[in-house]
Amino acid sequence: MGWWQVNADTLADSRFVVSPLAEATASLKTLERGTAAHPGERAWLDAHLPAYRERQARDPITALLIRAALGRTWNADFLTPTPFDETEPAFERELVRIRETPPEAARADLTVSLGGPLPARLHRDDLPERTADLLEWVWKQTVLPHWPRRRRIIEADVIARTARLSQGGWAATLDDMRPGMRWLGESRLQINTHGYPPRELSGARLMFVPVTPSQTWVSWDAAHRHAVVYPCSGALADAGRAPVPEALGRLLGPARANVLMLLDTPKSTTQLVALTGQGLGSVGRHLKVLLDSRLIHRRRAGRSVFYDRTEAGQVLVDAQRLS
């Protein structure tokens, strides 16, 4: 199996990072594969996949390049640079790293991702520029219009995992982060189930990078910075995508109805603030009304408080969906 040796200092210094470029790259991977992991992703693909395929059909060199860069089991390294160690760097600043990749380095990376020789049509020097241009198109056309909502989902995932860390330690936080990943104990973090040799991360910066598409990969810059890009949990990734039923919105008010819709799984006040974009005071008032109406209940887990629907709340939501 592929695992990393991670000492206590590296874990203590690890952090969650928001990367617009990682979000665009994950979206590119989803567009290229054309399959959805949940209804929200299906709706997004239906809206953007035709234009993406039309663009690729007009540019067969770039289409071949991206298929090669995604590889069979490994992405070409220049396509997935390790994110900056910042809260949220500008997309354009991140993209420069791809655009300025030396052509010979890009061709070498593609040879690895392909697991064999490079097709003759890719023996050219504009591969990094073509890759960056396509990622810029994906960002502007398919991600940027939805970025505020996507960022809220990412922030909610970080909040949920940080709470889990305080309650259950690293094993509870990391075990479901990506397929095949789990905490093995003895300072060992299993990254996947492939037979890659172990990597020593002592003294390195370790970053966890959530994205809303159901995509995942790892990257590193030499021995100094390592990143695990992982999909937000399913319940969060699809949150807020289903419209609030009109009748429910009239009954409760659109903002309060949205809170009730989001409570299909337990969520904290902080998560609801991140997901809805409403202020803490507004979310608190909505929760109080829903509690007083016995449409939701409150549960405490350690130092955290979570809310979810009561049976009455679930009946109300189901009735509106069926009407």
C-alpha atoms as a PDB file:
ATOM      1  CA  MET A   1       0.000   0.000   0.000  1.00  0.00           C
ATOM      2  CA  GLY A   2       1.056   3.648  -0.405  1.00  0.00           C
ATOM      3  CA  TRP A   3       1.621   5.301   2.957  1.00  0.00           C
ATOM      4  CA  TRP A   4       3.345   8.365   4.378  1.00  0.00           C
ATOM      5  CA  GLN A   5       5.370   8.497   7.597  1.00  0.00           C
ATOM      6  CA  VAL A   6       3.966  11.552   9.379  1.00  0.00           C
ATOM      7  CA  ASN A   7       5.413  12.538  12.748  1.00  0.00           C
ATOM      8  CA  ALA A   8       3.554  14.450  15.453  1.00  0.00           C
ATOM      9  CA  ASP A   9       5.107  17.810  14.546  1.00  0.00           C
ATOM     10  CA  THR A  10       4.036  17.476  10.896  1.00  0.00           C
ATOM     11  CA  LEU A  11       0.470  16.614  11.924  1.00  0.00           C
ATOM     12  CA  ALA A  12       0.344  19.467  14.422  1.00  0.00           C
ATOM     13  CA  ASP A  13       1.515  21.902  11.741  1.00  0.00           C
ATOM     14  CA  SER A  14      -0.825  20.587   9.013  1.00  0.00           C
ATOM     15  CA  ARG A  15      -3.640  22.771   7.756  1.00  0.00           C
ATOM     16  CA  PHE A  16      -6.676  22.930   5.499  1.00  0.00           C
ATOM     17  CA  VAL A  17      -6.227  25.063   2.389  1.00  0.00           C
ATOM     18  CA  VAL A  18      -8.773  26.416  -0.112  1.00  0.00           C
ATOM     19  CA  SER A  19      -7.413  26.288  -3.664  1.00  0.00           C
ATOM     20  CA  PRO A  20      -9.429  27.736  -6.582  1.00  0.00           C
ATOM     21  CA  LEU A  21      -7.056  25.977  -8.997  1.00  0.00           C
ATOM     22  CA  ALA A  22      -7.681  22.602  -7.330  1.00  0.00           C
ATOM     23  CA  GLU A  23     -11.431  23.261  -7.630  1.00  0.00           C
ATOM     24  CA  ALA A  24     -11.050  24.033 -11.346  1.00  0.00           C
ATOM     25  CA  THR A  25      -8.843  20.976 -11.906  1.00  0.00           C
ATOM     26  CA  ALA A  26     -11.335  18.724 -10.108  1.00  0.00           C
ATOM     27  CA  SER A  27     -14.078  20.205 -12.288  1.00  0.00           C
ATOM     28  CA  LEU A  28     -11.992  19.540 -15.402  1.00  0.00           C
ATOM     29  CA  LYS A  29     -11.566  15.906 -14.357  1.00  0.00           C
ATOM     30  CA  THR A  30     -15.328  15.599 -13.870  1.00  0.00           C
ATOM     31  CA  LEU A  31     -16.041  17.145 -17.276  1.00  0.00           C
ATOM     32  CA  GLU A  32     -13.533  14.871 -18.961  1.00  0.00           C
ATOM     33  CA  ARG A  33     -15.001  11.730 -17.403  1.00  0.00           C
ATOM     34  CA  GLY A  34     -18.592  12.870 -17.851  1.00  0.00           C
ATOM     35  CA  THR A  35     -19.980  10.932 -14.873  1.00  0.00           C
ATOM     36  CA  ALA A  36     -21.694  12.349 -11.787  1.00  0.00           C
ATOM     37  CA  ALA A  37     -21.457  11.203  -8.174  1.00  0.00           C
ATOM     38  CA  HIS A  38     -24.724  12.799  -7.018  1.00  0.00           C
ATOM     39  CA  PRO A  39     -27.724  14.704  -8.441  1.00  0.00           C
ATOM     40  CA  GLY A  40     -26.154  18.114  -7.911  1.00  0.00           C
ATOM     41  CA  GLU A  41     -23.102  17.108  -9.909  1.00  0.00           C
ATOM     42  CA  ARG A  42     -25.367  15.641 -12.593  1.00  0.00           C
ATOM     43  CA  ALA A  43     -27.182  18.966 -12.951  1.00  0.00           C
ATOM     44  CA  TRP A  44     -23.853  20.792 -13.228  1.00  0.00           C
ATOM     45  CA  LEU A  45     -22.638  18.365 -15.922  1.00  0.00           C
ATOM     46  CA  ASP A  46     -25.868  18.730 -17.865  1.00  0.00           C
ATOM     47  CA  ALA A  47     -25.337  22.493 -17.886  1.00  0.00           C
ATOM     48  CA  HIS A  48     -21.652  22.537 -18.914  1.00  0.00           C
ATOM     49  CA  LEU A  49     -20.647  19.236 -20.529  1.00  0.00           C
ATOM     50  CA  PRO A  50     -21.991  20.072 -24.046  1.00  0.00           C
ATOM     51  CA  ALA A  51     -19.918  23.273 -24.248  1.00  0.00           C
ATOM     52  CA  TYR A  52     -16.835  21.473 -22.921  1.00  0.00           C
ATOM     53  CA  ARG A  53     -17.123  18.684 -25.469  1.00  0.00           C
ATOM     54  CA  GLU A  54     -17.673  21.194 -28.250  1.00  0.00           C
ATOM     55  CA  ARG A  55     -14.524  23.063 -27.217  1.00  0.00           C
ATOM     56  CA  GLN A  56     -12.471  19.882 -27.115  1.00  0.00           C
ATOM     57  CA  ALA A  57     -13.807  18.764 -30.504  1.00  0.00           C
ATOM     58  CA  ARG A  58     -12.572  22.048 -32.011  1.00  0.00           C
ATOM     59  CA  ASP A  59      -9.124  21.532 -30.472  1.00  0.00           C
ATOM     60  CA  PRO A  60      -8.062  17.878 -30.846  1.00  0.00           C
ATOM     61  CA  ILE A  61      -4.498  18.576 -29.664  1.00  0.00           C
ATOM     62  CA  THR A  62      -5.705  19.879 -26.299  1.00  0.00           C
ATOM     63  CA  ALA A  63      -8.226  17.037 -26.070  1.00  0.00           C
ATOM     64  CA  LEU A  64      -5.426  14.496 -26.543  1.00  0.00           C
ATOM     65  CA  LEU A  65      -3.225  16.410 -24.090  1.00  0.00           C
ATOM     66  CA  ILE A  66      -5.808  16.321 -21.288  1.00  0.00           C
ATOM     67  CA  ARG A  67      -6.519  12.625 -21.774  1.00  0.00           C
ATOM     68  CA  ALA A  68      -2.783  11.984 -21.496  1.00  0.00           C
ATOM     69  CA  ALA A  69      -2.394  14.298 -18.478  1.00  0.00           C
ATOM     70  CA  LEU A  70      -5.125  12.517 -16.521  1.00  0.00           C
ATOM     71  CA  GLY A  71      -3.417   9.201 -17.235  1.00  0.00           C
ATOM     72  CA  ARG A  72      -4.523   5.787 -16.088  1.00  0.00           C
ATOM     73  CA  THR A  73      -3.600   5.904 -12.399  1.00  0.00           C
ATOM     74  CA  TRP A  74      -1.534   9.104 -12.032  1.00  0.00           C
ATOM     75  CA  ASN A  75      -2.065  12.728 -13.064  1.00  0.00           C
ATOM     76  CA  ALA A  76       0.753  14.494 -14.874  1.00  0.00           C
ATOM     77  CA  ASP A  77       2.503  16.430 -12.107  1.00  0.00           C
ATOM     78  CA  PHE A  78       2.450  19.774 -13.931  1.00  0.00           C
ATOM     79  CA  LEU A  79      -1.385  19.587 -14.126  1.00  0.00           C
ATOM     80  CA  THR A  80      -1.740  19.314 -10.326  1.00  0.00           C
ATOM     81  CA  PRO A  81       0.888  21.516  -8.655  1.00  0.00           C
ATOM     82  CA  THR A  82       0.922  21.502  -4.861  1.00  0.00           C
ATOM     83  CA  PRO A  83      -1.244  24.434  -3.682  1.00  0.00           C
ATOM     84  CA  PHE A  84       0.267  27.499  -2.087  1.00  0.00           C
ATOM     85  CA  ASP A  85       0.383  27.428   1.698  1.00  0.00           C
ATOM     86  CA  GLU A  86      -2.206  30.206   1.906  1.00  0.00           C
ATOM     87  CA  THR A  87      -5.870  30.442   2.864  1.00  0.00           C
ATOM     88  CA  GLU A  88      -7.148  31.170  -0.654  1.00  0.00           C
ATOM     89  CA  PRO A  89      -4.678  32.393  -3.294  1.00  0.00           C
ATOM     90  CA  ALA A  90      -5.989  34.049  -6.446  1.00  0.00           C
ATOM     91  CA  PHE A  91      -6.764  31.601  -9.238  1.00  0.00           C
ATOM     92  CA  GLU A  92      -4.645  33.542 -11.741  1.00  0.00           C
ATOM     93  CA  ARG A  93      -1.627  33.405  -9.426  1.00  0.00           C
ATOM     94  CA  GLU A  94      -1.977  29.641  -9.043  1.00  0.00           C
ATOM     95  CA  LEU A  95      -2.429  29.167 -12.786  1.00  0.00           C
ATOM     96  CA  VAL A  96       0.881  30.868 -13.583  1.00  0.00           C
ATOM     97  CA  ARG A  97       2.704  27.832 -12.200  1.00  0.00           C
ATOM     98  CA  ILE A  98       1.149  25.630 -14.891  1.00  0.00           C
ATOM     99  CA  ARG A  99       1.558  28.177 -17.653  1.00  0.00           C
ATOM    100  CA  GLU A 100       5.262  28.628 -16.883  1.00  0.00           C
ATOM    101  CA  THR A 101       6.087  24.901 -16.706  1.00  0.00           C
ATOM    102  CA  PRO A 102       9.117  24.186 -18.940  1.00  0.00           C
ATOM    103  CA  PRO A 103       7.902  22.270 -22.020  1.00  0.00           C
ATOM    104  CA  GLU A 104      10.414  19.467 -21.491  1.00  0.00           C
ATOM    105  CA  ALA A 105       9.161  19.002 -17.905  1.00  0.00           C
ATOM    106  CA  ALA A 106       5.546  18.800 -19.117  1.00  0.00           C
ATOM    107  CA  ARG A 107       6.469  16.168 -21.707  1.00  0.00           C
ATOM    108  CA  ALA A 108       8.335  14.146 -19.086  1.00  0.00           C
ATOM    109  CA  ASP A 109       5.347  14.289 -16.724  1.00  0.00           C
ATOM    110  CA  LEU A 110       3.045  13.129 -19.524  1.00  0.00           C
ATOM    111  CA  THR A 111       5.278  10.159 -20.216  1.00  0.00           C
ATOM    112  CA  VAL A 112       4.829   9.112 -16.569  1.00  0.00           C
ATOM    113  CA  SER A 113       1.049   9.654 -16.532  1.00  0.00           C
ATOM    114  CA  LEU A 114       0.691   7.688 -19.777  1.00  0.00           C
ATOM    115  CA  GLY A 115       2.982   4.923 -18.611  1.00  0.00           C
ATOM    116  CA  GLY A 116       4.593   4.877 -22.039  1.00  0.00           C
ATOM    117  CA  PRO A 117       5.882   6.989 -24.927  1.00  0.00           C
ATOM    118  CA  LEU A 118       4.304  10.308 -25.813  1.00  0.00           C
ATOM    119  CA  PRO A 119       2.087  10.413 -28.957  1.00  0.00           C
ATOM    120  CA  ALA A 120       3.804  12.188 -31.844  1.00  0.00           C
ATOM    121  CA  ARG A 121       1.219  14.991 -31.842  1.00  0.00           C
ATOM    122  CA  LEU A 122       2.239  15.939 -28.298  1.00  0.00           C
ATOM    123  CA  HIS A 123       5.910  16.495 -29.124  1.00  0.00           C
ATOM    124  CA  ARG A 124       5.499  20.263 -29.002  1.00  0.00           C
ATOM    125  CA  ASP A 125       6.368  23.181 -26.715  1.00  0.00           C
ATOM    126  CA  ASP A 126       2.927  24.733 -26.111  1.00  0.00           C
ATOM    127  CA  LEU A 127       1.523  21.995 -23.864  1.00  0.00           C
ATOM    128  CA  PRO A 128       1.658  24.013 -20.594  1.00  0.00           C
ATOM    129  CA  GLU A 129       0.032  27.006 -22.327  1.00  0.00           C
ATOM    130  CA  ARG A 130      -2.756  24.849 -23.739  1.00  0.00           C
ATOM    131  CA  THR A 131      -3.378  23.234 -20.346  1.00  0.00           C
ATOM    132  CA  ALA A 132      -3.530  26.607 -18.605  1.00  0.00           C
ATOM    133  CA  ASP A 133      -5.891  28.020 -21.250  1.00  0.00           C
ATOM    134  CA  LEU A 134      -8.297  25.133 -20.810  1.00  0.00           C
ATOM    135  CA  LEU A 135      -8.228  25.374 -17.006  1.00  0.00           C
ATOM    136  CA  GLU A 136      -8.888  29.114 -17.285  1.00  0.00           C
ATOM    137  CA  TRP A 137     -11.916  28.362 -19.492  1.00  0.00           C
ATOM    138  CA  VAL A 138     -13.201  25.775 -16.993  1.00  0.00           C
ATOM    139  CA  TRP A 139     -12.754  28.220 -14.127  1.00  0.00           C
ATOM    140  CA  LYS A 140     -14.470  31.178 -15.794  1.00  0.00           C
ATOM    141  CA  GLN A 141     -17.272  29.282 -17.520  1.00  0.00           C
ATOM    142  CA  THR A 142     -18.186  26.507 -15.065  1.00  0.00           C
ATOM    143  CA  VAL A 143     -16.761  27.295 -11.606  1.00  0.00           C
ATOM    144  CA  LEU A 144     -16.533  31.058 -11.029  1.00  0.00           C
ATOM    145  CA  PRO A 145     -20.308  31.693 -11.403  1.00  0.00           C
ATOM    146  CA  HIS A 146     -20.886  29.233  -8.537  1.00  0.00           C
ATOM    147  CA  TRP A 147     -17.736  29.911  -6.513  1.00  0.00           C
ATOM    148  CA  PRO A 148     -19.344  31.693  -3.507  1.00  0.00           C
ATOM    149  CA  ARG A 149     -21.630  28.689  -2.884  1.00  0.00           C
ATOM    150  CA  ARG A 150     -18.828  26.192  -3.531  1.00  0.00           C
ATOM    151  CA  ARG A 151     -16.586  28.057  -1.111  1.00  0.00           C
ATOM    152  CA  ARG A 152     -19.275  27.857   1.586  1.00  0.00           C
ATOM    153  CA  ILE A 153     -19.514  24.082   1.082  1.00  0.00           C
ATOM    154  CA  ILE A 154     -15.729  23.787   1.344  1.00  0.00           C
ATOM    155  CA  GLU A 155     -15.714  25.898   4.499  1.00  0.00           C
ATOM    156  CA  ALA A 156     -18.460  23.728   6.007  1.00  0.00           C
ATOM    157  CA  ASP A 157     -16.397  20.606   5.320  1.00  0.00           C
ATOM    158  CA  VAL A 158     -13.368  22.140   7.029  1.00  0.00           C
ATOM    159  CA  ILE A 159     -15.508  23.097  10.032  1.00  0.00           C
ATOM    160  CA  ALA A 160     -16.943  19.580  10.293  1.00  0.00           C
ATOM    161  CA  ARG A 161     -13.522  17.914  10.065  1.00  0.00           C
ATOM    162  CA  THR A 162     -11.965  20.304  12.558  1.00  0.00           C
ATOM    163  CA  ALA A 163     -14.744  19.456  15.022  1.00  0.00           C
ATOM    164  CA  ARG A 164     -14.199  15.751  14.383  1.00  0.00           C
ATOM    165  CA  LEU A 165     -10.482  16.200  15.047  1.00  0.00           C
ATOM    166  CA  SER A 166     -11.148  17.688  18.473  1.00  0.00           C
ATOM    167  CA  GLN A 167     -13.524  14.841  19.355  1.00  0.00           C
ATOM    168  CA  GLY A 168     -11.969  11.734  17.792  1.00  0.00           C
ATOM    169  CA  GLY A 169      -8.403  12.607  16.802  1.00  0.00           C
ATOM    170  CA  TRP A 170      -6.731  12.177  13.428  1.00  0.00           C
ATOM    171  CA  ALA A 171      -8.145   8.714  12.764  1.00  0.00           C
ATOM    172  CA  ALA A 172     -11.721  10.068  12.868  1.00  0.00           C
ATOM    173  CA  THR A 173     -10.760  13.017  10.673  1.00  0.00           C
ATOM    174  CA  LEU A 174      -8.760  11.243   7.966  1.00  0.00           C
ATOM    175  CA  ASP A 175     -10.280   7.779   7.578  1.00  0.00           C
ATOM    176  CA  ASP A 176     -13.061   8.796   5.163  1.00  0.00           C
ATOM    177  CA  MET A 177     -11.265  11.689   3.491  1.00  0.00           C
ATOM    178  CA  ARG A 178     -10.598   9.809   0.233  1.00  0.00           C
ATOM    179  CA  PRO A 179     -10.982   6.188  -0.934  1.00  0.00           C
ATOM    180  CA  GLY A 180      -8.248   3.964   0.493  1.00  0.00           C
ATOM    181  CA  MET A 181      -7.030   6.580   2.963  1.00  0.00           C
ATOM    182  CA  ARG A 182      -6.896   5.808   6.693  1.00  0.00           C
ATOM    183  CA  TRP A 183      -4.772   6.381   9.770  1.00  0.00           C
ATOM    184  CA  LEU A 184      -2.730   3.216  10.431  1.00  0.00           C
ATOM    185  CA  GLY A 185      -1.233   4.288  13.737  1.00  0.00           C
ATOM    186  CA  GLU A 186       2.464   4.480  14.567  1.00  0.00           C
ATOM    187  CA  SER A 187       2.698   7.783  12.607  1.00  0.00           C
ATOM    188  CA  ARG A 188       1.620   6.103   9.366  1.00  0.00           C
ATOM    189  CA  LEU A 189      -0.998   7.633   7.059  1.00  0.00           C
ATOM    190  CA  GLN A 190      -2.207   5.283   4.316  1.00  0.00           C
ATOM    191  CA  ILE A 191      -2.831   7.378   1.199  1.00  0.00           C
ATOM    192  CA  ASN A 192      -4.104   4.665  -1.136  1.00  0.00           C
ATOM    193  CA  THR A 193      -4.051   0.911  -1.667  1.00  0.00           C
ATOM    194  CA  HIS A 194      -1.433   0.957  -4.448  1.00  0.00           C
ATOM    195  CA  GLY A 195       1.987  -0.581  -3.958  1.00  0.00           C
ATOM    196  CA  TYR A 196       3.934   2.686  -3.883  1.00  0.00           C
ATOM    197  CA  PRO A 197       6.978   2.974  -1.593  1.00  0.00           C
ATOM    198  CA  PRO A 198       6.525   4.856   1.715  1.00  0.00           C
ATOM    199  CA  ARG A 199       7.347   8.585   1.876  1.00  0.00           C
ATOM    200  CA  GLU A 200       8.949  10.289   4.867  1.00  0.00           C
ATOM    201  CA  LEU A 201       7.210  13.579   5.713  1.00  0.00           C
ATOM    202  CA  SER A 202       9.040  14.589   8.865  1.00  0.00           C
ATOM    203  CA  GLY A 203       9.601  18.342   8.737  1.00  0.00           C
ATOM    204  CA  ALA A 204       7.383  18.773   5.664  1.00  0.00           C
ATOM    205  CA  ARG A 205       4.264  20.916   5.378  1.00  0.00           C
ATOM    206  CA  LEU A 206       1.120  18.744   5.022  1.00  0.00           C
ATOM    207  CA  MET A 207      -1.998  20.333   3.536  1.00  0.00           C
ATOM    208  CA  PHE A 208      -5.533  19.026   3.119  1.00  0.00           C
ATOM    209  CA  VAL A 209      -7.380  20.608   0.193  1.00  0.00           C
ATOM    210  CA  PRO A 210     -11.164  20.050  -0.066  1.00  0.00           C
ATOM    211  CA  VAL A 211     -12.944  20.365  -3.432  1.00  0.00           C
ATOM    212  CA  THR A 212     -16.646  20.038  -4.205  1.00  0.00           C
ATOM    213  CA  PRO A 213     -16.392  17.689  -7.247  1.00  0.00           C
ATOM    214  CA  SER A 214     -15.973  14.011  -6.411  1.00  0.00           C
ATOM    215  CA  GLN A 215     -12.285  13.907  -7.367  1.00  0.00           C
ATOM    216  CA  THR A 216      -9.111  13.262  -5.402  1.00  0.00           C
ATOM    217  CA  TRP A 217      -5.332  13.215  -5.858  1.00  0.00           C
ATOM    218  CA  VAL A 218      -2.097  13.849  -3.987  1.00  0.00           C
ATOM    219  CA  SER A 219       0.855  16.052  -4.890  1.00  0.00           C
ATOM    220  CA  TRP A 220       4.154  17.225  -3.459  1.00  0.00           C
ATOM    221  CA  ASP A 221       6.990  19.642  -4.152  1.00  0.00           C
ATOM    222  CA  ALA A 222      10.192  17.682  -3.526  1.00  0.00           C
ATOM    223  CA  ALA A 223      10.177  16.784   0.177  1.00  0.00           C
ATOM    224  CA  HIS A 224       8.953  20.096   1.538  1.00  0.00           C
ATOM    225  CA  ARG A 225       5.205  20.400   0.868  1.00  0.00           C
ATOM    226  CA  HIS A 226       2.666  17.608   0.464  1.00  0.00           C
ATOM    227  CA  ALA A 227      -1.044  17.962  -0.306  1.00  0.00           C
ATOM    228  CA  VAL A 228      -4.050  15.654  -0.237  1.00  0.00           C
ATOM    229  CA  VAL A 229      -6.888  16.928  -2.433  1.00  0.00           C
ATOM    230  CA  TYR A 230     -10.142  15.288  -1.387  1.00  0.00           C
ATOM    231  CA  PRO A 231     -13.893  15.628  -2.128  1.00  0.00           C
ATOM    232  CA  CYS A 232     -16.166  17.271   0.411  1.00  0.00           C
ATOM    233  CA  SER A 233     -18.377  14.724   2.168  1.00  0.00           C
ATOM    234  CA  GLY A 234     -21.375  13.669   0.100  1.00  0.00           C
ATOM    235  CA  ALA A 235     -23.936  15.250   2.396  1.00  0.00           C
ATOM    236  CA  LEU A 236     -22.178  18.607   2.109  1.00  0.00           C
ATOM    237  CA  ALA A 237     -21.230  18.411  -1.572  1.00  0.00           C
ATOM    238  CA  ASP A 238     -24.870  18.086  -2.558  1.00  0.00           C
ATOM    239  CA  ALA A 239     -26.152  20.523   0.074  1.00  0.00           C
ATOM    240  CA  GLY A 240     -28.016  23.580  -1.091  1.00  0.00           C
ATOM    241  CA  ARG A 241     -28.342  22.335  -4.672  1.00  0.00           C
ATOM    242  CA  ALA A 242     -31.966  21.211  -4.418  1.00  0.00           C
ATOM    243  CA  PRO A 243     -34.317  24.220  -4.611  1.00  0.00           C
ATOM    244  CA  VAL A 244     -36.528  24.994  -1.641  1.00  0.00           C
ATOM    245  CA  PRO A 245     -40.112  23.912  -2.509  1.00  0.00           C
ATOM    246  CA  GLU A 246     -42.146  27.024  -3.265  1.00  0.00           C
ATOM    247  CA  ALA A 247     -44.955  26.165  -0.840  1.00  0.00           C
ATOM    248  CA  LEU A 248     -42.471  25.448   1.964  1.00  0.00           C
ATOM    249  CA  GLY A 249     -40.796  28.781   1.278  1.00  0.00           C
ATOM    250  CA  ARG A 250     -44.147  30.581   1.569  1.00  0.00           C
ATOM    251  CA  LEU A 251     -44.960  28.748   4.789  1.00  0.00           C
ATOM    252  CA  LEU A 252     -41.681  29.265   6.639  1.00  0.00           C
ATOM    253  CA  GLY A 253     -39.971  31.973   4.626  1.00  0.00           C
ATOM    254  CA  PRO A 254     -37.294  31.083   2.037  1.00  0.00           C
ATOM    255  CA  ALA A 255     -34.297  31.505   4.360  1.00  0.00           C
ATOM    256  CA  ARG A 256     -35.801  29.458   7.211  1.00  0.00           C
ATOM    257  CA  ALA A 257     -37.041  26.797   4.780  1.00  0.00           C
ATOM    258  CA  ASN A 258     -33.502  26.530   3.378  1.00  0.00           C
ATOM    259  CA  VAL A 259     -32.160  25.821   6.867  1.00  0.00           C
ATOM    260  CA  LEU A 260     -34.757  23.088   7.359  1.00  0.00           C
ATOM    261  CA  MET A 261     -33.889  21.558   3.972  1.00  0.00           C
ATOM    262  CA  LEU A 262     -30.201  21.416   4.915  1.00  0.00           C
ATOM    263  CA  LEU A 263     -30.881  19.514   8.124  1.00  0.00           C
ATOM    264  CA  ASP A 264     -31.370  16.135   6.469  1.00  0.00           C
ATOM    265  CA  THR A 265     -28.139  15.248   8.302  1.00  0.00           C
ATOM    266  CA  PRO A 266     -26.928  16.764  11.603  1.00  0.00           C
ATOM    267  CA  LYS A 267     -25.153  20.094  11.180  1.00  0.00           C
ATOM    268  CA  SER A 268     -23.798  22.698  13.555  1.00  0.00           C
ATOM    269  CA  THR A 269     -24.733  26.371  13.555  1.00  0.00           C
ATOM    270  CA  THR A 270     -21.320  27.190  12.100  1.00  0.00           C
ATOM    271  CA  GLN A 271     -21.818  24.725   9.250  1.00  0.00           C
ATOM    272  CA  LEU A 272     -25.234  26.206   8.476  1.00  0.00           C
ATOM    273  CA  VAL A 273     -23.738  29.701   8.388  1.00  0.00           C
ATOM    274  CA  ALA A 274     -21.098  28.488   5.931  1.00  0.00           C
ATOM    275  CA  LEU A 275     -23.599  26.627   3.731  1.00  0.00           C
ATOM    276  CA  THR A 276     -26.331  29.277   3.600  1.00  0.00           C
ATOM    277  CA  GLY A 277     -24.256  32.445   3.559  1.00  0.00           C
ATOM    278  CA  GLN A 278     -26.597  33.868   6.219  1.00  0.00           C
ATOM    279  CA  GLY A 279     -25.276  35.617   9.310  1.00  0.00           C
ATOM    280  CA  LEU A 280     -24.855  33.830  12.631  1.00  0.00           C
ATOM    281  CA  GLY A 281     -27.701  35.812  14.201  1.00  0.00           C
ATOM    282  CA  SER A 282     -30.097  35.019  11.354  1.00  0.00           C
ATOM    283  CA  VAL A 283     -29.309  31.289  11.438  1.00  0.00           C
ATOM    284  CA  GLY A 284     -29.715  31.279  15.232  1.00  0.00           C
ATOM    285  CA  ARG A 285     -33.167  32.899  14.967  1.00  0.00           C
ATOM    286  CA  HIS A 286     -34.281  30.395  12.322  1.00  0.00           C
ATOM    287  CA  LEU A 287     -33.084  27.492  14.472  1.00  0.00           C
ATOM    288  CA  LYS A 288     -34.984  28.818  17.499  1.00  0.00           C
ATOM    289  CA  VAL A 289     -38.249  29.065  15.536  1.00  0.00           C
ATOM    290  CA  LEU A 290     -37.778  25.579  14.081  1.00  0.00           C
ATOM    291  CA  LEU A 291     -36.962  24.205  17.548  1.00  0.00           C
ATOM    292  CA  ASP A 292     -39.997  25.873  19.108  1.00  0.00           C
ATOM    293  CA  SER A 293     -42.123  24.409  16.291  1.00  0.00           C
ATOM    294  CA  ARG A 294     -40.658  20.941  16.981  1.00  0.00           C
ATOM    295  CA  LEU A 295     -39.520  20.632  13.372  1.00  0.00           C
ATOM    296  CA  ILE A 296     -35.912  20.082  14.440  1.00  0.00           C
ATOM    297  CA  HIS A 297     -34.138  18.917  17.563  1.00  0.00           C
ATOM    298  CA  ARG A 298     -30.799  19.706  19.129  1.00  0.00           C
ATOM    299  CA  ARG A 299     -28.133  17.191  20.143  1.00  0.00           C
ATOM    300  CA  ARG A 300     -24.815  17.696  21.892  1.00  0.00           C
ATOM    301  CA  ALA A 301     -21.671  15.785  20.902  1.00  0.00           C
ATOM    302  CA  GLY A 302     -18.776  16.700  23.152  1.00  0.00           C
ATOM    303  CA  ARG A 303     -18.456  20.472  23.001  1.00  0.00           C
ATOM    304  CA  SER A 304     -20.420  20.748  19.737  1.00  0.00           C
ATOM    305  CA  VAL A 305     -24.167  21.147  19.216  1.00  0.00           C
ATOM    306  CA  PHE A 306     -25.829  19.687  16.126  1.00  0.00           C
ATOM    307  CA  TYR A 307     -29.320  20.113  14.708  1.00  0.00           C
ATOM    308  CA  ASP A 308     -31.356  17.826  12.471  1.00  0.00           C
ATOM    309  CA  ARG A 309     -34.993  17.277  11.534  1.00  0.00           C
ATOM    310  CA  THR A 310     -37.533  15.671  13.807  1.00  0.00           C
ATOM    311  CA  GLU A 311     -40.054  13.223  12.381  1.00  0.00           C
ATOM    312  CA  ALA A 312     -42.478  16.128  12.009  1.00  0.00           C
ATOM    313  CA  GLY A 313     -39.907  18.168  10.123  1.00  0.00           C
ATOM    314  CA  GLN A 314     -39.199  15.253   7.812  1.00  0.00           C
ATOM    315  CA  VAL A 315     -42.916  14.731   7.127  1.00  0.00           C
ATOM    316  CA  LEU A 316     -43.268  18.434   6.273  1.00  0.00           C
ATOM    317  CA  VAL A 317     -40.339  18.353   3.825  1.00  0.00           C
ATOM    318  CA  ASP A 318     -41.528  15.104   2.211  1.00  0.00           C
ATOM    319  CA  ALA A 319     -45.068  16.454   1.814  1.00  0.00           C
ATOM    320  CA  GLN A 320     -43.799  19.526  -0.027  1.00  0.00           C
ATOM    321  CA  ARG A 321     -41.613  17.441  -2.323  1.00  0.00           C
ATOM    322  CA  LEU A 322     -44.558  15.222  -3.247  1.00  0.00           C
ATOM    323  CA  SER A 323     -47.011  18.071  -3.806  1.00  0.00           C
END
